[in-house]
PDB file of N, CA and C in Angstrom:
ATOM      1  N   MET A   1     -58.147  -7.105 -31.025  1.00  0.00           N
ATOM      2  CA  MET A   1     -57.600  -7.609 -29.775  1.00  0.00           C
ATOM      3  C   MET A   1     -56.549  -8.675 -30.061  1.00  0.00           C
ATOM      4  N   LYS A   2     -55.521  -8.610 -29.385  1.00  0.00           N
ATOM      5  CA  LYS A   2     -54.412  -9.593 -29.550  1.00  0.00           C
ATOM      6  C   LYS A   2     -54.897 -10.965 -29.098  1.00  0.00           C
ATOM      7  N   ASP A   3     -54.442 -12.022 -29.762  1.00  0.00           N
ATOM      8  CA  ASP A   3     -54.807 -13.369 -29.381  1.00  0.00           C
ATOM      9  C   ASP A   3     -54.285 -13.680 -27.964  1.00  0.00           C
ATOM     10  N   LEU A   4     -55.162 -14.154 -27.105  1.00  0.00           N
ATOM     11  CA  LEU A   4     -54.788 -14.468 -25.747  1.00  0.00           C
ATOM     12  C   LEU A   4     -54.232 -15.835 -25.630  1.00  0.00           C
ATOM     13  N   ILE A   5     -53.153 -16.004 -24.896  1.00  0.00           N
ATOM     14  CA  ILE A   5     -52.568 -17.307 -24.594  1.00  0.00           C
ATOM     15  C   ILE A   5     -52.240 -17.253 -23.097  1.00  0.00           C
ATOM     16  N   TYR A   6     -52.742 -18.255 -22.338  1.00  0.00           N
ATOM     17  CA  TYR A   6     -52.464 -18.257 -20.916  1.00  0.00           C
ATOM     18  C   TYR A   6     -51.224 -19.100 -20.662  1.00  0.00           C
ATOM     19  N   LEU A   7     -51.302 -20.362 -20.796  1.00  0.00           N
ATOM     20  CA  LEU A   7     -50.152 -21.266 -20.703  1.00  0.00           C
ATOM     21  C   LEU A   7     -50.162 -22.185 -21.865  1.00  0.00           C
ATOM     22  N   LYS A   8     -49.137 -22.256 -22.641  1.00  0.00           N
ATOM     23  CA  LYS A   8     -49.113 -23.054 -23.878  1.00  0.00           C
ATOM     24  C   LYS A   8     -49.170 -24.547 -23.605  1.00  0.00           C
ATOM     25  N   ASP A   9     -50.028 -25.187 -24.346  1.00  0.00           N
ATOM     26  CA  ASP A   9     -50.128 -26.674 -24.354  1.00  0.00           C
ATOM     27  C   ASP A   9     -50.393 -27.332 -23.022  1.00  0.00           C
ATOM     28  N   VAL A  10     -51.145 -26.671 -22.112  1.00  0.00           N
ATOM     29  CA  VAL A  10     -51.477 -27.282 -20.835  1.00  0.00           C
ATOM     30  C   VAL A  10     -52.961 -27.397 -20.538  1.00  0.00           C
ATOM     31  N   VAL A  11     -53.786 -26.845 -21.382  1.00  0.00           N
ATOM     32  CA  VAL A  11     -55.230 -26.810 -21.142  1.00  0.00           C
ATOM     33  C   VAL A  11     -55.836 -28.218 -21.160  1.00  0.00           C
ATOM     34  N   THR A  12     -56.725 -28.446 -20.220  1.00  0.00           N
ATOM     35  CA  THR A  12     -57.378 -29.770 -20.054  1.00  0.00           C
ATOM     36  C   THR A  12     -58.697 -29.882 -20.806  1.00  0.00           C
ATOM     37  N   LEU A  13     -59.047 -28.875 -21.588  1.00  0.00           N
ATOM     38  CA  LEU A  13     -60.303 -28.851 -22.303  1.00  0.00           C
ATOM     39  C   LEU A  13     -60.449 -30.036 -23.258  1.00  0.00           C
ATOM     40  N   ARG A  14     -61.615 -30.698 -23.217  1.00  0.00           N
ATOM     41  CA  ARG A  14     -61.898 -31.841 -24.091  1.00  0.00           C
ATOM     42  C   ARG A  14     -63.325 -31.778 -24.587  1.00  0.00           C
ATOM     43  N   VAL A  15     -63.565 -32.227 -25.781  1.00  0.00           N
ATOM     44  CA  VAL A  15     -64.925 -32.315 -26.352  1.00  0.00           C
ATOM     45  C   VAL A  15     -65.172 -33.774 -26.721  1.00  0.00           C
ATOM     46  N   ASP A  16     -66.283 -34.303 -26.230  1.00  0.00           N
ATOM     47  CA  ASP A  16     -66.691 -35.640 -26.626  1.00  0.00           C
ATOM     48  C   ASP A  16     -67.692 -35.506 -27.782  1.00  0.00           C
ATOM     49  N   THR A  17     -67.146 -35.619 -29.004  1.00  0.00           N
ATOM     50  CA  THR A  17     -67.970 -35.397 -30.203  1.00  0.00           C
ATOM     51  C   THR A  17     -69.085 -36.394 -30.345  1.00  0.00           C
ATOM     52  N   ASP A  18     -68.989 -37.540 -29.718  1.00  0.00           N
ATOM     53  CA  ASP A  18     -70.069 -38.521 -29.754  1.00  0.00           C
ATOM     54  C   ASP A  18     -71.308 -38.012 -28.966  1.00  0.00           C
ATOM     55  N   LYS A  19     -71.063 -37.260 -27.930  1.00  0.00           N
ATOM     56  CA  LYS A  19     -72.116 -36.698 -27.097  1.00  0.00           C
ATOM     57  C   LYS A  19     -72.684 -35.384 -27.650  1.00  0.00           C
ATOM     58  N   CYS A  20     -71.835 -34.635 -28.335  1.00  0.00           N
ATOM     59  CA  CYS A  20     -72.205 -33.256 -28.774  1.00  0.00           C
ATOM     60  C   CYS A  20     -73.397 -33.317 -29.732  1.00  0.00           C
ATOM     61  N   THR A  21     -74.376 -32.466 -29.460  1.00  0.00           N
ATOM     62  CA  THR A  21     -75.563 -32.365 -30.318  1.00  0.00           C
ATOM     63  C   THR A  21     -75.531 -31.138 -31.226  1.00  0.00           C
ATOM     64  N   GLY A  22     -74.476 -30.308 -31.072  1.00  0.00           N
ATOM     65  CA  GLY A  22     -74.364 -29.115 -31.919  1.00  0.00           C
ATOM     66  C   GLY A  22     -75.262 -27.978 -31.499  1.00  0.00           C
ATOM     67  N   CYS A  23     -75.661 -27.948 -30.197  1.00  0.00           N
ATOM     68  CA  CYS A  23     -76.526 -26.866 -29.716  1.00  0.00           C
ATOM     69  C   CYS A  23     -75.814 -25.507 -29.665  1.00  0.00           C
ATOM     70  N   ALA A  24     -74.489 -25.544 -29.582  1.00  0.00           N
ATOM     71  CA  ALA A  24     -73.613 -24.361 -29.596  1.00  0.00           C
ATOM     72  C   ALA A  24     -73.712 -23.479 -28.342  1.00  0.00           C
ATOM     73  N   MET A  25     -74.276 -24.059 -27.260  1.00  0.00           N
ATOM     74  CA  MET A  25     -74.331 -23.313 -25.984  1.00  0.00           C
ATOM     75  C   MET A  25     -72.932 -22.984 -25.521  1.00  0.00           C
ATOM     76  N   CYS A  26     -71.979 -23.878 -25.681  1.00  0.00           N
ATOM     77  CA  CYS A  26     -70.597 -23.620 -25.257  1.00  0.00           C
ATOM     78  C   CYS A  26     -69.962 -22.479 -26.051  1.00  0.00           C
ATOM     79  N   LEU A  27     -70.306 -22.300 -27.282  1.00  0.00           N
ATOM     80  CA  LEU A  27     -69.786 -21.167 -28.068  1.00  0.00           C
ATOM     81  C   LEU A  27     -70.340 -19.880 -27.504  1.00  0.00           C
ATOM     82  N   GLU A  28     -71.574 -19.888 -27.062  1.00  0.00           N
ATOM     83  CA  GLU A  28     -72.230 -18.703 -26.502  1.00  0.00           C
ATOM     84  C   GLU A  28     -71.566 -18.207 -25.228  1.00  0.00           C
ATOM     85  N   VAL A  29     -71.145 -19.156 -24.377  1.00  0.00           N
ATOM     86  CA  VAL A  29     -70.639 -18.783 -23.072  1.00  0.00           C
ATOM     87  C   VAL A  29     -69.128 -18.659 -22.970  1.00  0.00           C
ATOM     88  N   CYS A  30     -68.404 -19.152 -23.970  1.00  0.00           N
ATOM     89  CA  CYS A  30     -66.937 -19.093 -23.925  1.00  0.00           C
ATOM     90  C   CYS A  30     -66.489 -17.646 -24.060  1.00  0.00           C
ATOM     91  N   PRO A  31     -65.821 -17.049 -23.071  1.00  0.00           N
ATOM     92  CA  PRO A  31     -65.432 -15.699 -23.139  1.00  0.00           C
ATOM     93  C   PRO A  31     -64.298 -15.361 -24.107  1.00  0.00           C
ATOM     94  N   HIS A  32     -63.622 -16.372 -24.627  1.00  0.00           N
ATOM     95  CA  HIS A  32     -62.491 -16.100 -25.513  1.00  0.00           C
ATOM     96  C   HIS A  32     -62.613 -16.749 -26.915  1.00  0.00           C
ATOM     97  N   GLY A  33     -63.808 -17.265 -27.254  1.00  0.00           N
ATOM     98  CA  GLY A  33     -63.986 -17.835 -28.568  1.00  0.00           C
ATOM     99  C   GLY A  33     -63.080 -19.015 -28.861  1.00  0.00           C
ATOM    100  N   VAL A  34     -62.881 -19.845 -27.866  1.00  0.00           N
ATOM    101  CA  VAL A  34     -61.989 -20.961 -28.013  1.00  0.00           C
ATOM    102  C   VAL A  34     -62.543 -22.033 -28.944  1.00  0.00           C
ATOM    103  N   LEU A  35     -63.877 -22.101 -28.978  1.00  0.00           N
ATOM    104  CA  LEU A  35     -64.551 -23.190 -29.684  1.00  0.00           C
ATOM    105  C   LEU A  35     -65.109 -22.738 -31.032  1.00  0.00           C
ATOM    106  N   ALA A  36     -65.326 -23.731 -31.899  1.00  0.00           N
ATOM    107  CA  ALA A  36     -65.939 -23.472 -33.206  1.00  0.00           C
ATOM    108  C   ALA A  36     -66.853 -24.640 -33.488  1.00  0.00           C
ATOM    109  N   ILE A  37     -67.687 -24.508 -34.522  1.00  0.00           N
ATOM    110  CA  ILE A  37     -68.600 -25.573 -34.865  1.00  0.00           C
ATOM    111  C   ILE A  37     -68.399 -25.972 -36.310  1.00  0.00           C
ATOM    112  N   ASP A  38     -68.288 -27.242 -36.560  1.00  0.00           N
ATOM    113  CA  ASP A  38     -68.139 -27.806 -37.923  1.00  0.00           C
ATOM    114  C   ASP A  38     -69.126 -29.010 -38.092  1.00  0.00           C
ATOM    115  N   GLU A  39     -69.897 -28.942 -39.123  1.00  0.00           N
ATOM    116  CA  GLU A  39     -70.812 -30.070 -39.410  1.00  0.00           C
ATOM    117  C   GLU A  39     -71.618 -30.463 -38.171  1.00  0.00           C
ATOM    118  N   LYS A  40     -72.153 -29.484 -37.503  1.00  0.00           N
ATOM    119  CA  LYS A  40     -73.055 -29.698 -36.370  1.00  0.00           C
ATOM    120  C   LYS A  40     -72.407 -30.306 -35.113  1.00  0.00           C
ATOM    121  N   ARG A  41     -71.090 -30.185 -35.050  1.00  0.00           N
ATOM    122  CA  ARG A  41     -70.331 -30.641 -33.870  1.00  0.00           C
ATOM    123  C   ARG A  41     -69.341 -29.593 -33.485  1.00  0.00           C
ATOM    124  N   VAL A  42     -69.135 -29.436 -32.176  1.00  0.00           N
ATOM    125  CA  VAL A  42     -68.146 -28.458 -31.682  1.00  0.00           C
ATOM    126  C   VAL A  42     -66.766 -29.058 -31.793  1.00  0.00           C
ATOM    127  N   ARG A  43     -65.824 -28.135 -32.048  1.00  0.00           N
ATOM    128  CA  ARG A  43     -64.427 -28.514 -32.067  1.00  0.00           C
ATOM    129  C   ARG A  43     -63.639 -27.406 -31.332  1.00  0.00           C
ATOM    130  N   ILE A  44     -62.456 -27.725 -30.860  1.00  0.00           N
ATOM    131  CA  ILE A  44     -61.621 -26.765 -30.181  1.00  0.00           C
ATOM    132  C   ILE A  44     -60.845 -26.009 -31.254  1.00  0.00           C
ATOM    133  N   GLY A  45     -61.054 -24.732 -31.361  1.00  0.00           N
ATOM    134  CA  GLY A  45     -60.391 -23.940 -32.366  1.00  0.00           C
ATOM    135  C   GLY A  45     -59.085 -23.355 -31.923  1.00  0.00           C
ATOM    136  N   ASN A  46     -59.014 -22.868 -30.689  1.00  0.00           N
ATOM    137  CA  ASN A  46     -57.796 -22.197 -30.192  1.00  0.00           C
ATOM    138  C   ASN A  46     -57.593 -22.629 -28.745  1.00  0.00           C
ATOM    139  N   ARG A  47     -57.077 -23.830 -28.548  1.00  0.00           N
ATOM    140  CA  ARG A  47     -56.923 -24.419 -27.213  1.00  0.00           C
ATOM    141  C   ARG A  47     -56.142 -23.511 -26.252  1.00  0.00           C
ATOM    142  N   ASP A  48     -55.059 -22.861 -26.742  1.00  0.00           N
ATOM    143  CA  ASP A  48     -54.223 -22.058 -25.826  1.00  0.00           C
ATOM    144  C   ASP A  48     -54.888 -20.783 -25.364  1.00  0.00           C
ATOM    145  N   ALA A  49     -56.017 -20.399 -25.969  1.00  0.00           N
ATOM    146  CA  ALA A  49     -56.761 -19.231 -25.483  1.00  0.00           C
ATOM    147  C   ALA A  49     -57.691 -19.579 -24.314  1.00  0.00           C
ATOM    148  N   CYS A  50     -57.875 -20.868 -24.050  1.00  0.00           N
ATOM    149  CA  CYS A  50     -58.783 -21.294 -22.994  1.00  0.00           C
ATOM    150  C   CYS A  50     -58.160 -20.984 -21.622  1.00  0.00           C
ATOM    151  N   MET A  51     -58.982 -20.367 -20.783  1.00  0.00           N
ATOM    152  CA  MET A  51     -58.528 -20.015 -19.429  1.00  0.00           C
ATOM    153  C   MET A  51     -59.054 -20.998 -18.386  1.00  0.00           C
ATOM    154  N   GLU A  52     -59.686 -22.053 -18.851  1.00  0.00           N
ATOM    155  CA  GLU A  52     -60.229 -23.116 -17.996  1.00  0.00           C
ATOM    156  C   GLU A  52     -61.227 -22.605 -16.966  1.00  0.00           C
ATOM    157  N   CYS A  53     -62.096 -21.670 -17.396  1.00  0.00           N
ATOM    158  CA  CYS A  53     -63.106 -21.147 -16.479  1.00  0.00           C
ATOM    159  C   CYS A  53     -64.251 -22.128 -16.229  1.00  0.00           C
ATOM    160  N   GLY A  54     -64.461 -23.036 -17.164  1.00  0.00           N
ATOM    161  CA  GLY A  54     -65.470 -24.058 -16.994  1.00  0.00           C
ATOM    162  C   GLY A  54     -66.839 -23.663 -17.498  1.00  0.00           C
ATOM    163  N   ALA A  55     -66.998 -22.491 -18.088  1.00  0.00           N
ATOM    164  CA  ALA A  55     -68.289 -22.081 -18.587  1.00  0.00           C
ATOM    165  C   ALA A  55     -68.874 -23.062 -19.630  1.00  0.00           C
ATOM    166  N   CYS A  56     -68.008 -23.572 -20.476  1.00  0.00           N
ATOM    167  CA  CYS A  56     -68.525 -24.518 -21.490  1.00  0.00           C
ATOM    168  C   CYS A  56     -69.061 -25.793 -20.902  1.00  0.00           C
ATOM    169  N   SER A  57     -68.320 -26.341 -19.976  1.00  0.00           N
ATOM    170  CA  SER A  57     -68.768 -27.638 -19.365  1.00  0.00           C
ATOM    171  C   SER A  57     -69.952 -27.434 -18.466  1.00  0.00           C
ATOM    172  N   ARG A  58     -70.041 -26.339 -17.759  1.00  0.00           N
ATOM    173  CA  ARG A  58     -71.173 -26.085 -16.883  1.00  0.00           C
ATOM    174  C   ARG A  58     -72.455 -25.845 -17.662  1.00  0.00           C
ATOM    175  N   ASN A  59     -72.352 -25.373 -18.866  1.00  0.00           N
ATOM    176  CA  ASN A  59     -73.527 -25.026 -19.637  1.00  0.00           C
ATOM    177  C   ASN A  59     -73.873 -26.066 -20.746  1.00  0.00           C
ATOM    178  N   CYS A  60     -73.114 -27.098 -20.882  1.00  0.00           N
ATOM    179  CA  CYS A  60     -73.384 -28.133 -21.872  1.00  0.00           C
ATOM    180  C   CYS A  60     -74.509 -29.028 -21.411  1.00  0.00           C
ATOM    181  N   PRO A  61     -75.649 -29.026 -22.136  1.00  0.00           N
ATOM    182  CA  PRO A  61     -76.793 -29.826 -21.645  1.00  0.00           C
ATOM    183  C   PRO A  61     -76.595 -31.335 -21.787  1.00  0.00           C
ATOM    184  N   VAL A  62     -75.605 -31.802 -22.554  1.00  0.00           N
ATOM    185  CA  VAL A  62     -75.368 -33.228 -22.726  1.00  0.00           C
ATOM    186  C   VAL A  62     -74.032 -33.700 -22.206  1.00  0.00           C
ATOM    187  N   ASP A  63     -73.371 -32.819 -21.426  1.00  0.00           N
ATOM    188  CA  ASP A  63     -72.087 -33.183 -20.806  1.00  0.00           C
ATOM    189  C   ASP A  63     -71.010 -33.613 -21.802  1.00  0.00           C
ATOM    190  N   ALA A  64     -70.949 -32.908 -22.928  1.00  0.00           N
ATOM    191  CA  ALA A  64     -69.986 -33.236 -23.954  1.00  0.00           C
ATOM    192  C   ALA A  64     -68.648 -32.504 -23.751  1.00  0.00           C
ATOM    193  N   MET A  65     -68.653 -31.468 -22.938  1.00  0.00           N
ATOM    194  CA  MET A  65     -67.445 -30.670 -22.677  1.00  0.00           C
ATOM    195  C   MET A  65     -66.897 -31.047 -21.320  1.00  0.00           C
ATOM    196  N   SER A  66     -65.586 -31.126 -21.215  1.00  0.00           N
ATOM    197  CA  SER A  66     -64.936 -31.318 -19.912  1.00  0.00           C
ATOM    198  C   SER A  66     -63.698 -30.449 -19.844  1.00  0.00           C
ATOM    199  N   VAL A  67     -63.490 -29.889 -18.681  1.00  0.00           N
ATOM    200  CA  VAL A  67     -62.265 -29.069 -18.394  1.00  0.00           C
ATOM    201  C   VAL A  67     -62.079 -29.092 -16.905  1.00  0.00           C
ATOM    202  N   GLU A  68     -60.860 -29.302 -16.487  1.00  0.00           N
ATOM    203  CA  GLU A  68     -60.501 -29.227 -15.048  1.00  0.00           C
ATOM    204  C   GLU A  68     -60.202 -27.771 -14.750  1.00  0.00           C
ATOM    205  N   ALA A  69     -60.599 -27.358 -13.563  1.00  0.00           N
ATOM    206  CA  ALA A  69     -60.284 -26.016 -13.147  1.00  0.00           C
ATOM    207  C   ALA A  69     -58.783 -25.809 -13.194  1.00  0.00           C
ATOM    208  N   GLY A  70     -58.367 -24.741 -13.829  1.00  0.00           N
ATOM    209  CA  GLY A  70     -56.946 -24.499 -13.984  1.00  0.00           C
ATOM    210  C   GLY A  70     -56.542 -23.137 -13.504  1.00  0.00           C
ATOM    211  N   VAL A  71     -55.363 -22.714 -13.929  1.00  0.00           N
ATOM    212  CA  VAL A  71     -54.794 -21.443 -13.441  1.00  0.00           C
ATOM    213  C   VAL A  71     -55.199 -20.291 -14.330  1.00  0.00           C
ATOM    214  N   GLY A  72     -55.760 -20.521 -15.443  1.00  0.00           N
ATOM    215  CA  GLY A  72     -56.099 -19.436 -16.394  1.00  0.00           C
ATOM    216  C   GLY A  72     -56.942 -18.358 -15.828  1.00  0.00           C
ATOM    217  N   CYS A  73     -58.053 -18.695 -15.197  1.00  0.00           N
ATOM    218  CA  CYS A  73     -58.982 -17.735 -14.619  1.00  0.00           C
ATOM    219  C   CYS A  73     -58.302 -16.984 -13.476  1.00  0.00           C
ATOM    220  N   ALA A  74     -57.598 -17.702 -12.610  1.00  0.00           N
ATOM    221  CA  ALA A  74     -56.915 -17.050 -11.513  1.00  0.00           C
ATOM    222  C   ALA A  74     -55.846 -16.078 -11.989  1.00  0.00           C
ATOM    223  N   ALA A  75     -55.117 -16.494 -13.027  1.00  0.00           N
ATOM    224  CA  ALA A  75     -54.079 -15.608 -13.586  1.00  0.00           C
ATOM    225  C   ALA A  75     -54.735 -14.321 -14.148  1.00  0.00           C
ATOM    226  N   ALA A  76     -55.848 -14.449 -14.776  1.00  0.00           N
ATOM    227  CA  ALA A  76     -56.534 -13.259 -15.333  1.00  0.00           C
ATOM    228  C   ALA A  76     -56.958 -12.317 -14.215  1.00  0.00           C
ATOM    229  N   VAL A  77     -57.492 -12.869 -13.147  1.00  0.00           N
ATOM    230  CA  VAL A  77     -57.949 -12.033 -12.029  1.00  0.00           C
ATOM    231  C   VAL A  77     -56.740 -11.345 -11.402  1.00  0.00           C
ATOM    232  N   ILE A  78     -55.667 -12.077 -11.166  1.00  0.00           N
ATOM    233  CA  ILE A  78     -54.463 -11.498 -10.538  1.00  0.00           C
ATOM    234  C   ILE A  78     -53.866 -10.406 -11.375  1.00  0.00           C
ATOM    235  N   ASN A  79     -53.774 -10.673 -12.691  1.00  0.00           N
ATOM    236  CA  ASN A  79     -53.232  -9.656 -13.613  1.00  0.00           C
ATOM    237  C   ASN A  79     -54.116  -8.402 -13.600  1.00  0.00           C
ATOM    238  N   GLY A  80     -55.407  -8.598 -13.538  1.00  0.00           N
ATOM    239  CA  GLY A  80     -56.326  -7.457 -13.484  1.00  0.00           C
ATOM    240  C   GLY A  80     -56.140  -6.654 -12.169  1.00  0.00           C
ATOM    241  N   MET A  81     -55.965  -7.374 -11.076  1.00  0.00           N
ATOM    242  CA  MET A  81     -55.762  -6.718  -9.812  1.00  0.00           C
ATOM    243  C   MET A  81     -54.467  -5.936  -9.772  1.00  0.00           C
ATOM    244  N   LEU A  82     -53.454  -6.429 -10.509  1.00  0.00           N
ATOM    245  CA  LEU A  82     -52.176  -5.728 -10.567  1.00  0.00           C
ATOM    246  C   LEU A  82     -52.154  -4.661 -11.679  1.00  0.00           C
ATOM    247  N   ASN A  83     -53.294  -4.519 -12.358  1.00  0.00           N
ATOM    248  CA  ASN A  83     -53.456  -3.581 -13.457  1.00  0.00           C
ATOM    249  C   ASN A  83     -52.522  -3.870 -14.620  1.00  0.00           C
ATOM    250  N   TRP A  84     -52.156  -5.117 -14.774  1.00  0.00           N
ATOM    251  CA  TRP A  84     -51.352  -5.505 -15.946  1.00  0.00           C
ATOM    252  C   TRP A  84     -52.232  -5.629 -17.178  1.00  0.00           C
ATOM    253  N   GLN A  85     -53.467  -5.989 -16.969  1.00  0.00           N
ATOM    254  CA  GLN A  85     -54.426  -6.079 -18.047  1.00  0.00           C
ATOM    255  C   GLN A  85     -55.799  -6.120 -17.402  1.00  0.00           C
ATOM    256  N   GLY A  86     -56.837  -5.935 -18.199  1.00  0.00           N
ATOM    257  CA  GLY A  86     -58.185  -6.079 -17.653  1.00  0.00           C
ATOM    258  C   GLY A  86     -58.409  -7.514 -17.222  1.00  0.00           C
ATOM    259  N   THR A  87     -59.338  -7.705 -16.318  1.00  0.00           N
ATOM    260  CA  THR A  87     -59.656  -9.087 -15.950  1.00  0.00           C
ATOM    261  C   THR A  87     -60.248  -9.785 -17.122  1.00  0.00           C
ATOM    262  N   ALA A  88     -59.459 -10.616 -17.748  1.00  0.00           N
ATOM    263  CA  ALA A  88     -59.901 -11.326 -18.949  1.00  0.00           C
ATOM    264  C   ALA A  88     -60.701 -12.557 -18.586  1.00  0.00           C
ATOM    265  N   CYS A  89     -61.436 -12.465 -17.528  1.00  0.00           N
ATOM    266  CA  CYS A  89     -62.195 -13.560 -17.021  1.00  0.00           C
ATOM    267  C   CYS A  89     -63.593 -13.091 -16.689  1.00  0.00           C
ATOM    268  N   CYS A  90     -64.444 -14.016 -16.475  1.00  0.00           N
ATOM    269  CA  CYS A  90     -65.836 -13.702 -16.093  1.00  0.00           C
ATOM    270  C   CYS A  90     -65.944 -13.254 -14.685  1.00  0.00           C
ATOM    271  N   CYS A  91     -64.887 -13.450 -13.921  1.00  0.00           N
ATOM    272  CA  CYS A  91     -64.884 -13.089 -12.483  1.00  0.00           C
ATOM    273  C   CYS A  91     -64.657 -11.593 -12.374  1.00  0.00           C
ATOM    274  N   SER A  92     -65.365 -10.956 -11.513  1.00  0.00           N
ATOM    275  CA  SER A  92     -65.092  -9.577 -11.257  1.00  0.00           C
ATOM    276  C   SER A  92     -64.544  -9.387  -9.874  1.00  0.00           C
ATOM    277  N   VAL A  93     -63.620  -8.461  -9.714  1.00  0.00           N
ATOM    278  CA  VAL A  93     -62.990  -8.240  -8.436  1.00  0.00           C
ATOM    279  C   VAL A  93     -63.138  -6.765  -8.109  1.00  0.00           C
ATOM    280  N   ASP A  94     -63.613  -6.474  -6.916  1.00  0.00           N
ATOM    281  CA  ASP A  94     -63.715  -5.126  -6.420  1.00  0.00           C
ATOM    282  C   ASP A  94     -62.351  -4.711  -5.961  1.00  0.00           C
ATOM    283  N   PRO A  95     -61.738  -3.678  -6.592  1.00  0.00           N
ATOM    284  CA  PRO A  95     -60.394  -3.249  -6.192  1.00  0.00           C
ATOM    285  C   PRO A  95     -60.298  -2.779  -4.755  1.00  0.00           C
ATOM    286  N   ASN A  96     -61.406  -2.368  -4.182  1.00  0.00           N
ATOM    287  CA  ASN A  96     -61.405  -1.924  -2.769  1.00  0.00           C
ATOM    288  C   ASN A  96     -61.505  -3.090  -1.804  1.00  0.00           C
ATOM    289  N   ASN A  97     -61.903  -4.284  -2.332  1.00  0.00           N
ATOM    290  CA  ASN A  97     -62.019  -5.468  -1.493  1.00  0.00           C
ATOM    291  C   ASN A  97     -61.656  -6.674  -2.329  1.00  0.00           C
ATOM    292  N   PRO A  98     -60.403  -6.864  -2.718  1.00  0.00           N
ATOM    293  CA  PRO A  98     -60.015  -7.937  -3.628  1.00  0.00           C
ATOM    294  C   PRO A  98     -60.260  -9.346  -3.108  1.00  0.00           C
ATOM    295  N   SER A  99     -60.343  -9.511  -1.803  1.00  0.00           N
ATOM    296  CA  SER A  99     -60.595 -10.876  -1.253  1.00  0.00           C
ATOM    297  C   SER A  99     -62.017 -11.272  -1.435  1.00  0.00           C
ATOM    298  N   ALA A 100     -62.886 -10.341  -1.838  1.00  0.00           N
ATOM    299  CA  ALA A 100     -64.330 -10.644  -2.002  1.00  0.00           C
ATOM    300  C   ALA A 100     -64.666 -10.772  -3.481  1.00  0.00           C
ATOM    301  N   GLY A 101     -63.833 -11.451  -4.261  1.00  0.00           N
ATOM    302  CA  GLY A 101     -64.115 -11.614  -5.676  1.00  0.00           C
ATOM    303  C   GLY A 101     -65.428 -12.349  -5.824  1.00  0.00           C
ATOM    304  N   LYS A 102     -66.139 -12.066  -6.895  1.00  0.00           N
ATOM    305  CA  LYS A 102     -67.430 -12.697  -7.104  1.00  0.00           C
ATOM    306  C   LYS A 102     -67.497 -13.214  -8.549  1.00  0.00           C
ATOM    307  N   ALA A 103     -68.234 -14.259  -8.727  1.00  0.00           N
ATOM    308  CA  ALA A 103     -68.428 -14.828 -10.044  1.00  0.00           C
ATOM    309  C   ALA A 103     -69.636 -14.147 -10.716  1.00  0.00           C
ATOM    310  N   ALA A 104     -69.513 -13.881 -11.989  1.00  0.00           N
ATOM    311  CA  ALA A 104     -70.619 -13.335 -12.713  1.00  0.00           C
ATOM    312  C   ALA A 104     -71.175 -14.454 -13.613  1.00  0.00           C
ATOM    313  N   GLY A 105     -72.446 -14.661 -13.600  1.00  0.00           N
ATOM    314  CA  GLY A 105     -73.050 -15.719 -14.423  1.00  0.00           C
ATOM    315  C   GLY A 105     -72.679 -17.074 -13.930  1.00  0.00           C
ATOM    316  N   THR A 106     -72.389 -17.965 -14.813  1.00  0.00           N
ATOM    317  CA  THR A 106     -72.105 -19.360 -14.428  1.00  0.00           C
ATOM    318  C   THR A 106     -70.651 -19.760 -14.701  1.00  0.00           C
ATOM    319  N   CYS A 107     -69.783 -18.786 -14.984  1.00  0.00           N
ATOM    320  CA  CYS A 107     -68.408 -19.091 -15.354  1.00  0.00           C
ATOM    321  C   CYS A 107     -67.573 -19.697 -14.270  1.00  0.00           C
ATOM    322  N   CYS A 108     -67.500 -19.063 -13.164  1.00  0.00           N
ATOM    323  CA  CYS A 108     -66.502 -19.448 -12.178  1.00  0.00           C
ATOM    324  C   CYS A 108     -67.132 -20.146 -10.973  1.00  0.00           C
ATOM    325  N   SER A 109     -66.313 -20.977 -10.387  1.00  0.00           N
ATOM    326  CA  SER A 109     -66.773 -21.702  -9.223  1.00  0.00           C
ATOM    327  C   SER A 109     -66.376 -20.996  -7.964  1.00  0.00           C
TER     328      SER A 109
END
């Protein structure tokens, strides 16, 4: 799969390494493998692949991850609706009723 980039150098994703316990829950829920773990602490491996869905911050038990809702997830859904690419987001959209998009799991708000 080609490396995904939504918008270059604009992602608000942050990791507070002082709070991080190395549980790796954020790695489990990140749909694009943005994060990595080194020496029992999470680090951002590929910031530009982040679509700002918020899965990492919503699932972090110690509140070490932060990300502001951005355009990445919305762009993925719109591109999917236009058949430019699959919905590269955790959100699923019924093509027969696009206004009734629904979140799958804990990714999207």
